[in-house]
Amino acid sequence: REKDRGEKRIIENPISDHITLLNAYNISDKLKHKEMPSFLNMKAVRHAHDIHNQIMEYCKDIFNKLSIQPLTTTYIGPKDKPNLIIKCLHKGMPLNVATRVTDQEKPEETKGVCYKAKRAGICKIHPSSVLSAKSAKPDSLIFTEMVLTKSVYMRYVTQVNPAWLADDLA
């Protein structure tokens, strides 16, 4: 388990589950099956590669129909431009934004840091998120999905710059 935790820390991004997943995908793309870290689910990795291939074929078709020269395959990685990736996620999921609420705004029985999502009301960061381990929680974030248990949780979250949210309102 300690070996898995050490390997997992290499791909973790402290402000984004999405970039952590991207790092895992990029590692899996470079390694052979035998070299794959044990914490990566092979079925999920194959599924991600299938989706990637479908998207690439779709893009090629669009480029051909519009007679556009495809972009080069230059990789913009999380280490290079995390804000570019996060801005794209933010623009692509405008309804999946949540902002931190004050203690006065959250229900009395709710413990811990809470957020208000546009469509879901009061919710928390899912415990499996890299952001749940941080002691200083972000003021605003985007999420991919909601999970309802005893509480409402946001899964696959990424910290966003609060100024971007102000830009959306302007």
Protein backbone atom coordinates (compact mmCIF):
# COMPACT_ATOMS: atom_id res chain seq x y z
CA ARG A 1 0.00 0.00 0.00
CA GLU A 2 2.81 2.42 0.80
CA LYS A 3 4.27 1.82 -2.67
CA ASP A 4 0.86 2.61 -4.22
CA ARG A 5 0.54 5.80 -2.15
CA GLY A 6 3.99 6.94 -3.27
CA GLU A 7 3.21 6.24 -6.93
CA LYS A 8 -0.16 7.94 -6.62
CA ARG A 9 1.41 11.09 -5.14
CA ILE A 10 3.48 11.44 -8.31
CA ILE A 11 0.38 11.93 -10.46
CA GLU A 12 -1.73 13.88 -7.96
CA ASN A 13 -2.32 17.54 -8.61
CA PRO A 14 -3.07 19.38 -5.34
CA ILE A 15 -5.77 21.64 -6.84
CA SER A 16 -7.47 19.38 -9.38
CA ASP A 17 -8.93 15.90 -9.58
CA HIS A 18 -9.32 16.49 -13.32
CA ILE A 19 -5.61 17.11 -13.85
CA THR A 20 -4.83 14.13 -11.61
CA LEU A 21 -6.97 11.99 -13.95
CA LEU A 22 -5.22 13.50 -16.96
CA ASN A 23 -1.84 12.63 -15.42
CA ALA A 24 -3.03 9.05 -14.83
CA TYR A 25 -4.18 8.82 -18.45
CA ASN A 26 -0.86 10.15 -19.76
CA ILE A 27 1.11 7.70 -17.60
CA SER A 28 -1.04 4.80 -18.78
CA ASP A 29 -0.52 5.88 -22.39
CA LYS A 30 3.26 5.60 -22.00
CA LEU A 31 3.48 2.35 -20.04
CA LYS A 32 2.96 -1.25 -21.03
CA HIS A 33 0.34 -3.32 -19.24
CA LYS A 34 2.93 -5.06 -17.02
CA GLU A 35 4.42 -1.73 -15.88
CA MET A 36 1.07 -0.16 -14.96
CA PRO A 37 0.80 1.10 -11.36
CA SER A 38 -1.47 -1.16 -9.34
CA PHE A 39 -3.75 1.70 -8.27
CA LEU A 40 -4.91 2.27 -11.88
CA ASN A 41 -7.99 0.30 -12.89
CA MET A 42 -7.15 -1.34 -16.24
CA LYS A 43 -10.78 -1.48 -17.37
CA ALA A 44 -11.17 2.26 -16.73
CA VAL A 45 -7.87 2.98 -18.51
CA ARG A 46 -9.00 1.03 -21.61
CA HIS A 47 -12.34 2.85 -21.54
CA ALA A 48 -10.55 6.22 -21.37
CA HIS A 49 -8.35 5.27 -24.32
CA ASP A 50 -11.41 4.19 -26.33
CA ILE A 51 -13.12 7.53 -25.65
CA HIS A 52 -9.93 9.41 -26.58
CA ASN A 53 -9.71 7.52 -29.89
CA GLN A 54 -13.38 8.22 -30.67
CA ILE A 55 -12.91 11.94 -30.00
CA MET A 56 -9.78 12.05 -32.17
CA GLU A 57 -11.63 10.36 -35.06
CA TYR A 58 -14.52 12.79 -34.66
CA CYS A 59 -12.14 15.77 -34.73
CA LYS A 60 -10.38 14.43 -37.84
CA ASP A 61 -13.76 14.14 -39.61
CA ILE A 62 -14.67 17.71 -38.69
CA PHE A 63 -11.28 19.04 -39.83
CA ASN A 64 -11.64 17.19 -43.14
CA LYS A 65 -15.20 18.44 -43.76
CA LEU A 66 -14.23 22.03 -43.03
CA SER A 67 -10.91 21.75 -44.91
CA ILE A 68 -9.04 22.88 -41.80
CA GLN A 69 -5.48 21.86 -41.08
CA PRO A 70 -5.49 19.89 -37.79
CA LEU A 71 -3.55 21.22 -34.86
CA THR A 72 -0.17 19.71 -34.20
CA THR A 73 -0.03 17.09 -31.51
CA THR A 74 1.88 19.36 -29.15
CA TYR A 75 1.04 18.28 -25.64
CA ILE A 76 -0.08 20.95 -23.20
CA GLY A 77 0.46 19.18 -19.94
CA PRO A 78 -0.66 20.01 -16.44
CA LYS A 79 2.86 21.01 -15.46
CA ASP A 80 2.99 23.47 -18.36
CA LYS A 81 -0.39 25.15 -18.39
CA PRO A 82 -2.77 23.98 -15.65
CA ASN A 83 -4.75 27.24 -15.82
CA LEU A 84 -5.47 26.68 -19.52
CA ILE A 85 -6.90 23.24 -18.79
CA ILE A 86 -8.87 24.52 -15.79
CA LYS A 87 -10.28 27.45 -17.79
CA CYS A 88 -11.46 25.03 -20.48
CA LEU A 89 -13.15 22.86 -17.85
CA HIS A 90 -14.76 25.94 -16.29
CA LYS A 91 -16.09 27.19 -19.64
CA GLY A 92 -17.33 23.70 -20.54
CA MET A 93 -19.22 23.15 -17.28
CA PRO A 94 -20.77 26.52 -16.37
CA LEU A 95 -23.57 24.96 -14.33
CA ASN A 96 -21.16 22.81 -12.33
CA VAL A 97 -19.71 25.66 -10.30
CA ALA A 98 -19.79 25.79 -6.51
CA THR A 99 -18.78 28.54 -4.12
CA ARG A 100 -17.85 28.20 -0.47
CA VAL A 101 -20.53 29.20 2.02
CA THR A 102 -20.03 30.86 5.37
CA ASP A 103 -20.91 29.10 8.63
CA GLN A 104 -24.06 31.25 8.86
CA GLU A 105 -25.27 30.05 5.43
CA LYS A 106 -24.92 26.30 5.99
CA PRO A 107 -27.43 24.16 7.91
CA GLU A 108 -26.68 23.80 11.63
CA GLU A 109 -26.30 20.01 11.53
CA THR A 110 -23.74 20.17 8.71
CA LYS A 111 -20.11 19.80 9.75
CA GLY A 112 -17.04 20.84 7.79
CA VAL A 113 -16.61 23.10 4.79
CA CYS A 114 -19.67 23.42 2.55
CA TYR A 115 -20.31 24.82 -0.91
CA LYS A 116 -23.36 26.08 -2.74
CA ALA A 117 -23.76 24.66 -6.22
CA LYS A 118 -25.92 26.40 -8.80
CA ARG A 119 -28.17 23.38 -9.32
CA ALA A 120 -27.75 21.29 -6.18
CA GLY A 121 -27.76 23.57 -3.18
CA ILE A 122 -25.46 22.86 -0.23
CA CYS A 123 -22.82 20.17 -0.84
CA LYS A 124 -19.32 19.03 0.17
CA ILE A 125 -16.17 17.82 -1.55
CA HIS A 126 -16.16 14.01 -1.87
CA PRO A 127 -13.66 12.34 0.51
CA SER A 128 -11.86 10.64 -2.42
CA SER A 129 -10.88 14.01 -3.90
CA VAL A 130 -7.32 15.33 -3.68
CA LEU A 131 -8.91 18.57 -2.45
CA SER A 132 -10.56 16.88 0.54
CA ALA A 133 -7.16 16.31 2.12
CA LYS A 134 -6.19 19.97 1.92
CA SER A 135 -6.57 21.88 5.16
CA ALA A 136 -7.27 25.16 3.32
CA LYS A 137 -10.32 24.57 1.14
CA PRO A 138 -10.78 26.69 -2.02
CA ASP A 139 -13.38 29.46 -2.26
CA SER A 140 -14.72 28.24 -5.60
CA LEU A 141 -14.51 25.11 -7.67
CA ILE A 142 -16.02 23.15 -10.54
CA PHE A 143 -17.18 19.55 -10.32
CA THR A 144 -18.11 16.78 -12.72
CA GLU A 145 -20.81 14.93 -10.81
CA MET A 146 -22.87 14.90 -7.64
CA VAL A 147 -23.19 11.89 -5.34
CA LEU A 148 -26.05 11.64 -2.86
CA THR A 149 -25.45 9.64 0.32
CA LYS A 150 -26.23 10.98 3.78
CA SER A 151 -24.76 14.20 2.38
CA VAL A 152 -24.51 15.63 -1.12
CA TYR A 153 -20.96 15.34 -2.43
CA MET A 154 -19.20 16.77 -5.47
CA ARG A 155 -16.89 14.29 -7.21
CA TYR A 156 -14.01 15.16 -9.52
CA VAL A 157 -13.48 18.72 -8.39
CA THR A 158 -11.04 21.42 -9.46
CA GLN A 159 -10.24 24.68 -7.75
CA VAL A 160 -11.03 27.71 -9.93
CA ASN A 161 -10.03 31.31 -9.68
CA PRO A 162 -12.94 33.30 -8.12
CA ALA A 163 -12.23 36.14 -10.59
CA TRP A 164 -13.32 33.85 -13.44
CA LEU A 165 -16.74 33.53 -11.80
CA ALA A 166 -16.99 37.33 -11.61
CA ASP A 167 -16.18 37.45 -15.33
CA ASP A 168 -19.12 35.11 -16.00
CA LEU A 169 -21.50 37.51 -14.27
CA ALA A 170 -20.22 40.58 -16.14
